[in-house]
PDB file of N, CA and C in Angstrom:
ATOM      1  N   MET A   1     127.319  91.820  65.239  1.00  0.00           N
ATOM      2  CA  MET A   1     126.064  92.524  65.457  1.00  0.00           C
ATOM      3  C   MET A   1     126.335  94.010  65.387  1.00  0.00           C
ATOM      4  N   GLU A   2     125.361  94.729  64.858  1.00  0.00           N
ATOM      5  CA  GLU A   2     125.574  96.160  64.749  1.00  0.00           C
ATOM      6  C   GLU A   2     124.343  96.922  65.203  1.00  0.00           C
ATOM      7  N   GLU A   3     124.601  98.009  65.931  1.00  0.00           N
ATOM      8  CA  GLU A   3     123.546  98.847  66.470  1.00  0.00           C
ATOM      9  C   GLU A   3     122.884  99.620  65.332  1.00  0.00           C
ATOM     10  N   ALA A   4     121.550  99.678  65.346  1.00  0.00           N
ATOM     11  CA  ALA A   4     120.822 100.434  64.332  1.00  0.00           C
ATOM     12  C   ALA A   4     121.188 101.910  64.449  1.00  0.00           C
ATOM     13  N   LYS A   5     121.456 102.530  63.327  1.00  0.00           N
ATOM     14  CA  LYS A   5     121.895 103.919  63.331  1.00  0.00           C
ATOM     15  C   LYS A   5     120.747 104.856  63.710  1.00  0.00           C
ATOM     16  N   GLY A   6     120.912 105.575  64.809  1.00  0.00           N
ATOM     17  CA  GLY A   6     119.981 106.621  65.183  1.00  0.00           C
ATOM     18  C   GLY A   6     118.662 106.177  65.774  1.00  0.00           C
ATOM     19  N   VAL A   7     118.200 104.983  65.473  1.00  0.00           N
ATOM     20  CA  VAL A   7     116.883 104.555  65.944  1.00  0.00           C
ATOM     21  C   VAL A   7     116.948 104.226  67.437  1.00  0.00           C
ATOM     22  N   VAL A   8     115.975 104.764  68.176  1.00  0.00           N
ATOM     23  CA  VAL A   8     115.847 104.448  69.591  1.00  0.00           C
ATOM     24  C   VAL A   8     114.390 104.057  69.839  1.00  0.00           C
ATOM     25  N   LYS A   9     114.192 102.954  70.529  1.00  0.00           N
ATOM     26  CA  LYS A   9     112.850 102.478  70.858  1.00  0.00           C
ATOM     27  C   LYS A   9     112.535 102.796  72.318  1.00  0.00           C
ATOM     28  N   HIS A  10     111.306 103.198  72.556  1.00  0.00           N
ATOM     29  CA  HIS A  10     110.790 103.506  73.891  1.00  0.00           C
ATOM     30  C   HIS A  10     109.669 102.501  74.144  1.00  0.00           C
ATOM     31  N   VAL A  11     109.889 101.588  75.084  1.00  0.00           N
ATOM     32  CA  VAL A  11     108.934 100.502  75.341  1.00  0.00           C
ATOM     33  C   VAL A  11     108.337 100.669  76.726  1.00  0.00           C
ATOM     34  N   LEU A  12     107.024 100.605  76.801  1.00  0.00           N
ATOM     35  CA  LEU A  12     106.308 100.700  78.072  1.00  0.00           C
ATOM     36  C   LEU A  12     105.477  99.435  78.236  1.00  0.00           C
ATOM     37  N   LEU A  13     105.699  98.714  79.330  1.00  0.00           N
ATOM     38  CA  LEU A  13     104.866  97.568  79.691  1.00  0.00           C
ATOM     39  C   LEU A  13     103.881  98.033  80.745  1.00  0.00           C
ATOM     40  N   ALA A  14     102.625  97.625  80.616  1.00  0.00           N
ATOM     41  CA  ALA A  14     101.593  98.127  81.515  1.00  0.00           C
ATOM     42  C   ALA A  14     100.694  97.010  82.017  1.00  0.00           C
ATOM     43  N   LYS A  15     100.261  97.174  83.264  1.00  0.00           N
ATOM     44  CA  LYS A  15      99.178  96.373  83.832  1.00  0.00           C
ATOM     45  C   LYS A  15      98.173  97.375  84.358  1.00  0.00           C
ATOM     46  N   PHE A  16      96.995  97.385  83.753  1.00  0.00           N
ATOM     47  CA  PHE A  16      95.952  98.312  84.169  1.00  0.00           C
ATOM     48  C   PHE A  16      95.344  97.872  85.492  1.00  0.00           C
ATOM     49  N   LYS A  17      94.874  98.839  86.262  1.00  0.00           N
ATOM     50  CA  LYS A  17      94.193  98.541  87.520  1.00  0.00           C
ATOM     51  C   LYS A  17      92.927  97.735  87.219  1.00  0.00           C
ATOM     52  N   ASP A  18      92.559  96.849  88.125  1.00  0.00           N
ATOM     53  CA  ASP A  18      91.367  96.008  87.937  1.00  0.00           C
ATOM     54  C   ASP A  18      90.110  96.837  87.705  1.00  0.00           C
ATOM     55  N   GLU A  19      90.037  97.997  88.354  1.00  0.00           N
ATOM     56  CA  GLU A  19      88.822  98.812  88.221  1.00  0.00           C
ATOM     57  C   GLU A  19      88.768  99.628  86.928  1.00  0.00           C
ATOM     58  N   THR A  20      89.834  99.602  86.133  1.00  0.00           N
ATOM     59  CA  THR A  20      89.819 100.316  84.857  1.00  0.00           C
ATOM     60  C   THR A  20      89.029  99.494  83.851  1.00  0.00           C
ATOM     61  N   THR A  21      87.959 100.064  83.340  1.00  0.00           N
ATOM     62  CA  THR A  21      87.063  99.337  82.433  1.00  0.00           C
ATOM     63  C   THR A  21      87.719  99.137  81.064  1.00  0.00           C
ATOM     64  N   ALA A  22      87.217  98.163  80.324  1.00  0.00           N
ATOM     65  CA  ALA A  22      87.700  97.899  78.963  1.00  0.00           C
ATOM     66  C   ALA A  22      87.505  99.131  78.085  1.00  0.00           C
ATOM     67  N   GLU A  23      86.401  99.844  78.282  1.00  0.00           N
ATOM     68  CA  GLU A  23      86.133 101.047  77.499  1.00  0.00           C
ATOM     69  C   GLU A  23      87.170 102.128  77.805  1.00  0.00           C
ATOM     70  N   LYS A  24      87.531 102.274  79.081  1.00  0.00           N
ATOM     71  CA  LYS A  24      88.528 103.271  79.471  1.00  0.00           C
ATOM     72  C   LYS A  24      89.895 102.887  78.914  1.00  0.00           C
ATOM     73  N   ILE A  25      90.235 101.593  78.963  1.00  0.00           N
ATOM     74  CA  ILE A  25      91.514 101.135  78.402  1.00  0.00           C
ATOM     75  C   ILE A  25      91.578 101.456  76.916  1.00  0.00           C
ATOM     76  N   GLU A  26      90.492 101.200  76.193  1.00  0.00           N
ATOM     77  CA  GLU A  26      90.444 101.502  74.759  1.00  0.00           C
ATOM     78  C   GLU A  26      90.625 103.002  74.525  1.00  0.00           C
ATOM     79  N   GLU A  27      89.992 103.822  75.333  1.00  0.00           N
ATOM     80  CA  GLU A  27      90.121 105.282  75.222  1.00  0.00           C
ATOM     81  C   GLU A  27      91.572 105.718  75.481  1.00  0.00           C
ATOM     82  N   LEU A  28      92.191 105.142  76.497  1.00  0.00           N
ATOM     83  CA  LEU A  28      93.578 105.478  76.811  1.00  0.00           C
ATOM     84  C   LEU A  28      94.522 105.048  75.690  1.00  0.00           C
ATOM     85  N   ILE A  29      94.290 103.886  75.120  1.00  0.00           N
ATOM     86  CA  ILE A  29      95.129 103.412  74.020  1.00  0.00           C
ATOM     87  C   ILE A  29      94.999 104.336  72.814  1.00  0.00           C
ATOM     88  N   LYS A  30      93.801 104.762  72.503  1.00  0.00           N
ATOM     89  CA  LYS A  30      93.598 105.703  71.390  1.00  0.00           C
ATOM     90  C   LYS A  30      94.325 107.015  71.671  1.00  0.00           C
ATOM     91  N   GLY A  31      94.271 107.476  72.915  1.00  0.00           N
ATOM     92  CA  GLY A  31      94.985 108.693  73.288  1.00  0.00           C
ATOM     93  C   GLY A  31      96.486 108.533  73.151  1.00  0.00           C
ATOM     94  N   TYR A  32      96.994 107.379  73.568  1.00  0.00           N
ATOM     95  CA  TYR A  32      98.428 107.099  73.453  1.00  0.00           C
ATOM     96  C   TYR A  32      98.831 107.085  71.979  1.00  0.00           C
ATOM     97  N   ALA A  33      98.067 106.386  71.159  1.00  0.00           N
ATOM     98  CA  ALA A  33      98.364 106.292  69.732  1.00  0.00           C
ATOM     99  C   ALA A  33      98.336 107.659  69.059  1.00  0.00           C
ATOM    100  N   ASN A  34      97.487 108.547  69.530  1.00  0.00           N
ATOM    101  CA  ASN A  34      97.364 109.867  68.930  1.00  0.00           C
ATOM    102  C   ASN A  34      98.563 110.763  69.227  1.00  0.00           C
ATOM    103  N   LEU A  35      99.370 110.412  70.228  1.00  0.00           N
ATOM    104  CA  LEU A  35     100.545 111.228  70.548  1.00  0.00           C
ATOM    105  C   LEU A  35     101.487 111.349  69.351  1.00  0.00           C
ATOM    106  N   VAL A  36     101.519 110.334  68.491  1.00  0.00           N
ATOM    107  CA  VAL A  36     102.378 110.376  67.309  1.00  0.00           C
ATOM    108  C   VAL A  36     101.991 111.539  66.389  1.00  0.00           C
ATOM    109  N   ASN A  37     100.741 111.975  66.438  1.00  0.00           N
ATOM    110  CA  ASN A  37     100.268 113.095  65.629  1.00  0.00           C
ATOM    111  C   ASN A  37     100.487 114.445  66.304  1.00  0.00           C
ATOM    112  N   LEU A  38     100.787 114.424  67.589  1.00  0.00           N
ATOM    113  CA  LEU A  38     100.879 115.655  68.363  1.00  0.00           C
ATOM    114  C   LEU A  38     102.288 116.023  68.799  1.00  0.00           C
ATOM    115  N   ILE A  39     103.177 115.038  68.836  1.00  0.00           N
ATOM    116  CA  ILE A  39     104.533 115.266  69.342  1.00  0.00           C
ATOM    117  C   ILE A  39     105.522 114.834  68.256  1.00  0.00           C
ATOM    118  N   GLU A  40     106.176 115.800  67.647  1.00  0.00           N
ATOM    119  CA  GLU A  40     107.002 115.591  66.459  1.00  0.00           C
ATOM    120  C   GLU A  40     108.104 114.539  66.597  1.00  0.00           C
ATOM    121  N   PRO A  41     108.818 114.441  67.716  1.00  0.00           N
ATOM    122  CA  PRO A  41     109.905 113.458  67.762  1.00  0.00           C
ATOM    123  C   PRO A  41     109.468 111.998  67.621  1.00  0.00           C
ATOM    124  N   ILE A  42     108.183 111.682  67.870  1.00  0.00           N
ATOM    125  CA  ILE A  42     107.722 110.295  67.725  1.00  0.00           C
ATOM    126  C   ILE A  42     107.616 109.985  66.233  1.00  0.00           C
ATOM    127  N   LYS A  43     108.342 108.959  65.797  1.00  0.00           N
ATOM    128  CA  LYS A  43     108.338 108.591  64.380  1.00  0.00           C
ATOM    129  C   LYS A  43     107.396 107.433  64.077  1.00  0.00           C
ATOM    130  N   ALA A  44     107.114 106.599  65.084  1.00  0.00           N
ATOM    131  CA  ALA A  44     106.215 105.458  64.880  1.00  0.00           C
ATOM    132  C   ALA A  44     105.692 105.007  66.238  1.00  0.00           C
ATOM    133  N   PHE A  45     104.536 104.355  66.227  1.00  0.00           N
ATOM    134  CA  PHE A  45     103.921 103.840  67.454  1.00  0.00           C
ATOM    135  C   PHE A  45     103.209 102.543  67.132  1.00  0.00           C
ATOM    136  N   GLN A  46     103.343 101.572  68.029  1.00  0.00           N
ATOM    137  CA  GLN A  46     102.558 100.345  67.938  1.00  0.00           C
ATOM    138  C   GLN A  46     102.315  99.810  69.342  1.00  0.00           C
ATOM    139  N   TRP A  47     101.308  98.978  69.461  1.00  0.00           N
ATOM    140  CA  TRP A  47     100.981  98.418  70.776  1.00  0.00           C
ATOM    141  C   TRP A  47     100.373  97.038  70.574  1.00  0.00           C
ATOM    142  N   GLY A  48     100.288  96.301  71.677  1.00  0.00           N
ATOM    143  CA  GLY A  48      99.652  94.993  71.627  1.00  0.00           C
ATOM    144  C   GLY A  48      99.419  94.463  73.030  1.00  0.00           C
ATOM    145  N   LYS A  49      98.663  93.367  73.088  1.00  0.00           N
ATOM    146  CA  LYS A  49      98.386  92.695  74.358  1.00  0.00           C
ATOM    147  C   LYS A  49      99.225  91.428  74.440  1.00  0.00           C
ATOM    148  N   ASP A  50      99.551  91.036  75.654  1.00  0.00           N
ATOM    149  CA  ASP A  50     100.340  89.827  75.876  1.00  0.00           C
ATOM    150  C   ASP A  50      99.593  88.602  75.345  1.00  0.00           C
ATOM    151  N   VAL A  51     100.302  87.800  74.562  1.00  0.00           N
ATOM    152  CA  VAL A  51      99.737  86.555  74.034  1.00  0.00           C
ATOM    153  C   VAL A  51     100.670  85.371  74.320  1.00  0.00           C
ATOM    154  N   SER A  52     101.653  85.588  75.179  1.00  0.00           N
ATOM    155  CA  SER A  52     102.652  84.563  75.458  1.00  0.00           C
ATOM    156  C   SER A  52     102.047  83.366  76.183  1.00  0.00           C
ATOM    157  N   ILE A  53     102.529  82.177  75.839  1.00  0.00           N
ATOM    158  CA  ILE A  53     102.106  80.952  76.534  1.00  0.00           C
ATOM    159  C   ILE A  53     103.070  80.605  77.668  1.00  0.00           C
ATOM    160  N   GLU A  54     104.138  81.396  77.827  1.00  0.00           N
ATOM    161  CA  GLU A  54     105.162  81.085  78.829  1.00  0.00           C
ATOM    162  C   GLU A  54     104.789  81.518  80.243  1.00  0.00           C
ATOM    163  N   ASN A  55     103.795  82.381  80.363  1.00  0.00           N
ATOM    164  CA  ASN A  55     103.331  82.876  81.663  1.00  0.00           C
ATOM    165  C   ASN A  55     104.460  83.540  82.461  1.00  0.00           C
ATOM    166  N   LEU A  56     105.281  84.319  81.787  1.00  0.00           N
ATOM    167  CA  LEU A  56     106.372  85.050  82.427  1.00  0.00           C
ATOM    168  C   LEU A  56     106.130  86.568  82.412  1.00  0.00           C
ATOM    169  N   HIS A  57     104.903  86.975  82.171  1.00  0.00           N
ATOM    170  CA  HIS A  57     104.561  88.390  82.001  1.00  0.00           C
ATOM    171  C   HIS A  57     104.583  89.198  83.287  1.00  0.00           C
ATOM    172  N   GLN A  58     104.662  88.545  84.439  1.00  0.00           N
ATOM    173  CA  GLN A  58     104.697  89.202  85.748  1.00  0.00           C
ATOM    174  C   GLN A  58     103.532  90.182  85.942  1.00  0.00           C
ATOM    175  N   GLY A  59     102.406  89.875  85.313  1.00  0.00           N
ATOM    176  CA  GLY A  59     101.213  90.698  85.470  1.00  0.00           C
ATOM    177  C   GLY A  59     101.032  91.754  84.397  1.00  0.00           C
ATOM    178  N   PHE A  60     102.071  92.031  83.618  1.00  0.00           N
ATOM    179  CA  PHE A  60     101.949  93.023  82.547  1.00  0.00           C
ATOM    180  C   PHE A  60     101.058  92.463  81.446  1.00  0.00           C
ATOM    181  N   THR A  61     100.149  93.283  80.954  1.00  0.00           N
ATOM    182  CA  THR A  61      99.171  92.825  79.975  1.00  0.00           C
ATOM    183  C   THR A  61      99.292  93.512  78.619  1.00  0.00           C
ATOM    184  N   HIS A  62      99.860  94.718  78.589  1.00  0.00           N
ATOM    185  CA  HIS A  62      99.947  95.505  77.363  1.00  0.00           C
ATOM    186  C   HIS A  62     101.378  95.996  77.155  1.00  0.00           C
ATOM    187  N   VAL A  63     101.756  96.124  75.882  1.00  0.00           N
ATOM    188  CA  VAL A  63     103.050  96.705  75.540  1.00  0.00           C
ATOM    189  C   VAL A  63     102.823  97.833  74.533  1.00  0.00           C
ATOM    190  N   PHE A  64     103.527  98.926  74.750  1.00  0.00           N
ATOM    191  CA  PHE A  64     103.445 100.100  73.879  1.00  0.00           C
ATOM    192  C   PHE A  64     104.863 100.439  73.443  1.00  0.00           C
ATOM    193  N   GLU A  65     105.074 100.592  72.140  1.00  0.00           N
ATOM    194  CA  GLU A  65     106.413 100.872  71.632  1.00  0.00           C
ATOM    195  C   GLU A  65     106.381 102.079  70.704  1.00  0.00           C
ATOM    196  N   SER A  66     107.236 103.039  71.008  1.00  0.00           N
ATOM    197  CA  SER A  66     107.389 104.229  70.171  1.00  0.00           C
ATOM    198  C   SER A  66     108.803 104.245  69.625  1.00  0.00           C
ATOM    199  N   ALA A  67     108.964 104.772  68.414  1.00  0.00           N
ATOM    200  CA  ALA A  67     110.286 104.880  67.793  1.00  0.00           C
ATOM    201  C   ALA A  67     110.675 106.343  67.660  1.00  0.00           C
ATOM    202  N   PHE A  68     111.950 106.596  67.912  1.00  0.00           N
ATOM    203  CA  PHE A  68     112.510 107.949  67.840  1.00  0.00           C
ATOM    204  C   PHE A  68     113.807 107.889  67.052  1.00  0.00           C
ATOM    205  N   GLU A  69     114.273 109.045  66.578  1.00  0.00           N
ATOM    206  CA  GLU A  69     115.523 109.094  65.827  1.00  0.00           C
ATOM    207  C   GLU A  69     116.740 109.213  66.731  1.00  0.00           C
ATOM    208  N   SER A  70     116.524 109.550  68.018  1.00  0.00           N
ATOM    209  CA  SER A  70     117.662 109.740  68.921  1.00  0.00           C
ATOM    210  C   SER A  70     117.181 109.734  70.370  1.00  0.00           C
ATOM    211  N   THR A  71     118.126 109.612  71.292  1.00  0.00           N
ATOM    212  CA  THR A  71     117.777 109.727  72.714  1.00  0.00           C
ATOM    213  C   THR A  71     117.331 111.152  73.031  1.00  0.00           C
ATOM    214  N   GLU A  72     117.843 112.126  72.290  1.00  0.00           N
ATOM    215  CA  GLU A  72     117.396 113.513  72.473  1.00  0.00           C
ATOM    216  C   GLU A  72     115.914 113.646  72.109  1.00  0.00           C
ATOM    217  N   GLY A  73     115.479 112.903  71.099  1.00  0.00           N
ATOM    218  CA  GLY A  73     114.063 112.902  70.726  1.00  0.00           C
ATOM    219  C   GLY A  73     113.193 112.354  71.838  1.00  0.00           C
ATOM    220  N   ILE A  74     113.671 111.317  72.529  1.00  0.00           N
ATOM    221  CA  ILE A  74     112.923 110.775  73.666  1.00  0.00           C
ATOM    222  C   ILE A  74     112.857 111.810  74.784  1.00  0.00           C
ATOM    223  N   ALA A  75     113.970 112.483  75.045  1.00  0.00           N
ATOM    224  CA  ALA A  75     113.983 113.514  76.092  1.00  0.00           C
ATOM    225  C   ALA A  75     113.001 114.633  75.771  1.00  0.00           C
ATOM    226  N   GLU A  76     112.941 115.022  74.505  1.00  0.00           N
ATOM    227  CA  GLU A  76     111.991 116.062  74.082  1.00  0.00           C
ATOM    228  C   GLU A  76     110.550 115.581  74.272  1.00  0.00           C
ATOM    229  N   TYR A  77     110.284 114.334  73.907  1.00  0.00           N
ATOM    230  CA  TYR A  77     108.965 113.718  74.068  1.00  0.00           C
ATOM    231  C   TYR A  77     108.552 113.676  75.537  1.00  0.00           C
ATOM    232  N   VAL A  78     109.450 113.197  76.398  1.00  0.00           N
ATOM    233  CA  VAL A  78     109.136 113.053  77.822  1.00  0.00           C
ATOM    234  C   VAL A  78     108.799 114.407  78.455  1.00  0.00           C
ATOM    235  N   ALA A  79     109.477 115.467  78.026  1.00  0.00           N
ATOM    236  CA  ALA A  79     109.253 116.804  78.592  1.00  0.00           C
ATOM    237  C   ALA A  79     108.112 117.567  77.921  1.00  0.00           C
ATOM    238  N   HIS A  80     107.623 117.078  76.790  1.00  0.00           N
ATOM    239  CA  HIS A  80     106.584 117.789  76.036  1.00  0.00           C
ATOM    240  C   HIS A  80     105.310 117.912  76.881  1.00  0.00           C
ATOM    241  N   PRO A  81     104.708 119.108  76.939  1.00  0.00           N
ATOM    242  CA  PRO A  81     103.504 119.303  77.767  1.00  0.00           C
ATOM    243  C   PRO A  81     102.354 118.345  77.443  1.00  0.00           C
ATOM    244  N   VAL A  82     102.171 117.997  76.180  1.00  0.00           N
ATOM    245  CA  VAL A  82     101.103 117.063  75.810  1.00  0.00           C
ATOM    246  C   VAL A  82     101.389 115.680  76.408  1.00  0.00           C
ATOM    247  N   HIS A  83     102.652 115.247  76.361  1.00  0.00           N
ATOM    248  CA  HIS A  83     103.021 113.964  76.957  1.00  0.00           C
ATOM    249  C   HIS A  83     102.844 114.002  78.465  1.00  0.00           C
ATOM    250  N   VAL A  84     103.305 115.072  79.097  1.00  0.00           N
ATOM    251  CA  VAL A  84     103.200 115.187  80.555  1.00  0.00           C
ATOM    252  C   VAL A  84     101.737 115.086  80.982  1.00  0.00           C
ATOM    253  N   GLN A  85     100.858 115.781  80.292  1.00  0.00           N
ATOM    254  CA  GLN A  85      99.426 115.747  80.625  1.00  0.00           C
ATOM    255  C   GLN A  85      98.848 114.352  80.400  1.00  0.00           C
ATOM    256  N   PHE A  86      99.173 113.729  79.258  1.00  0.00           N
ATOM    257  CA  PHE A  86      98.643 112.392  78.983  1.00  0.00           C
ATOM    258  C   PHE A  86      99.209 111.371  79.964  1.00  0.00           C
ATOM    259  N   ALA A  87     100.498 111.450  80.250  1.00  0.00           N
ATOM    260  CA  ALA A  87     101.141 110.487  81.154  1.00  0.00           C
ATOM    261  C   ALA A  87     100.499 110.517  82.536  1.00  0.00           C
ATOM    262  N   THR A  88     100.153 111.695  83.004  1.00  0.00           N
ATOM    263  CA  THR A  88      99.499 111.820  84.312  1.00  0.00           C
ATOM    264  C   THR A  88      98.175 111.058  84.314  1.00  0.00           C
ATOM    265  N   LEU A  89      97.397 111.226  83.255  1.00  0.00           N
ATOM    266  CA  LEU A  89      96.121 110.521  83.120  1.00  0.00           C
ATOM    267  C   LEU A  89      96.354 109.011  82.985  1.00  0.00           C
ATOM    268  N   PHE A  90      97.233 108.623  82.069  1.00  0.00           N
ATOM    269  CA  PHE A  90      97.492 107.213  81.763  1.00  0.00           C
ATOM    270  C   PHE A  90      98.024 106.467  82.984  1.00  0.00           C
ATOM    271  N   LEU A  91      99.042 107.017  83.617  1.00  0.00           N
ATOM    272  CA  LEU A  91      99.666 106.350  84.767  1.00  0.00           C
ATOM    273  C   LEU A  91      98.698 106.185  85.935  1.00  0.00           C
ATOM    274  N   GLY A  92      97.717 107.058  86.038  1.00  0.00           N
ATOM    275  CA  GLY A  92      96.709 106.952  87.088  1.00  0.00           C
ATOM    276  C   GLY A  92      95.848 105.707  86.980  1.00  0.00           C
ATOM    277  N   HIS A  93      95.856 105.071  85.813  1.00  0.00           N
ATOM    278  CA  HIS A  93      95.054 103.864  85.587  1.00  0.00           C
ATOM    279  C   HIS A  93      95.896 102.587  85.604  1.00  0.00           C
ATOM    280  N   LEU A  94      97.185 102.736  85.923  1.00  0.00           N
ATOM    281  CA  LEU A  94      98.067 101.567  85.912  1.00  0.00           C
ATOM    282  C   LEU A  94      98.378 101.084  87.315  1.00  0.00           C
ATOM    283  N   GLU A  95      98.388  99.764  87.454  1.00  0.00           N
ATOM    284  CA  GLU A  95      98.834  99.128  88.693  1.00  0.00           C
ATOM    285  C   GLU A  95     100.349  98.935  88.662  1.00  0.00           C
ATOM    286  N   LYS A  96     100.858  98.587  87.460  1.00  0.00           N
ATOM    287  CA  LYS A  96     102.295  98.363  87.280  1.00  0.00           C
ATOM    288  C   LYS A  96     102.722  98.973  85.956  1.00  0.00           C
ATOM    289  N   VAL A  97     103.964  99.480  85.932  1.00  0.00           N
ATOM    290  CA  VAL A  97     104.512 100.014  84.690  1.00  0.00           C
ATOM    291  C   VAL A  97     106.019  99.781  84.678  1.00  0.00           C
ATOM    292  N   LEU A  98     106.548  99.518  83.501  1.00  0.00           N
ATOM    293  CA  LEU A  98     107.982  99.359  83.303  1.00  0.00           C
ATOM    294  C   LEU A  98     108.318 100.033  81.973  1.00  0.00           C
ATOM    295  N   VAL A  99     109.330 100.899  81.981  1.00  0.00           N
ATOM    296  CA  VAL A  99     109.726 101.603  80.766  1.00  0.00           C
ATOM    297  C   VAL A  99     111.199 101.321  80.486  1.00  0.00           C
ATOM    298  N   ILE A 100     111.485 100.981  79.235  1.00  0.00           N
ATOM    299  CA  ILE A 100     112.857 100.743  78.789  1.00  0.00           C
ATOM    300  C   ILE A 100     113.050 101.452  77.456  1.00  0.00           C
ATOM    301  N   ASP A 101     114.166 102.157  77.332  1.00  0.00           N
ATOM    302  CA  ASP A 101     114.575 102.746  76.061  1.00  0.00           C
ATOM    303  C   ASP A 101     115.809 101.984  75.592  1.00  0.00           C
ATOM    304  N   TYR A 102     115.851 101.647  74.301  1.00  0.00           N
ATOM    305  CA  TYR A 102     117.011 100.901  73.802  1.00  0.00           C
ATOM    306  C   TYR A 102     117.261 101.215  72.333  1.00  0.00           C
ATOM    307  N   LYS A 103     118.495 100.977  71.912  1.00  0.00           N
ATOM    308  CA  LYS A 103     118.872 101.065  70.503  1.00  0.00           C
ATOM    309  C   LYS A 103     118.917  99.638  69.970  1.00  0.00           C
ATOM    310  N   PRO A 104     118.081  99.319  68.990  1.00  0.00           N
ATOM    311  CA  PRO A 104     118.062  97.954  68.453  1.00  0.00           C
ATOM    312  C   PRO A 104     119.409  97.560  67.857  1.00  0.00           C
ATOM    313  N   THR A 105     119.753  96.308  68.040  1.00  0.00           N
ATOM    314  CA  THR A 105     120.961  95.740  67.456  1.00  0.00           C
ATOM    315  C   THR A 105     120.535  94.694  66.446  1.00  0.00           C
ATOM    316  N   VAL A 106     121.107  94.768  65.259  1.00  0.00           N
ATOM    317  CA  VAL A 106     120.774  93.835  64.190  1.00  0.00           C
ATOM    318  C   VAL A 106     121.850  92.753  64.152  1.00  0.00           C
ATOM    319  N   ALA A 107     121.414  91.511  64.241  1.00  0.00           N
ATOM    320  CA  ALA A 107     122.352  90.371  64.182  1.00  0.00           C
ATOM    321  C   ALA A 107     122.666  90.085  62.715  1.00  0.00           C
ATOM    322  N   ARG A 108     123.924  89.993  62.421  1.00  0.00           N
ATOM    323  CA  ARG A 108     124.369  89.648  61.063  1.00  0.00           C
ATOM    324  C   ARG A 108     124.829  88.192  61.070  1.00  0.00           C
ATOM    325  N   CYS A 109     124.208  87.385  60.235  1.00  0.00           N
ATOM    326  CA  CYS A 109     124.577  85.953  60.174  1.00  0.00           C
ATOM    327  C   CYS A 109     125.480  85.686  58.995  1.00  0.00           C
TER     328      CYS A 109
END
């Protein structure tokens, strides 16, 4: 197995508060997706809702994944004023959050 060169993924699992409306969640997701246009180190963004039949989600309902070229890019993103402002708003609507950064490993068969 070999580690992907330079690529670092930033994954956020979220469970929105019960009182957060579907319209507000949609607005927050659009805001999150727009960060790729505002913060240069973000190279890609995707998100989705849990569809697992295993029921092991521990309450998390949404996943957000951003791609960066390096851990330094993630550090720049986390400290960026636009991210700090958005994160304050976004996190205020979450009941639970889990963030993991990792370098993908490609299995060679």
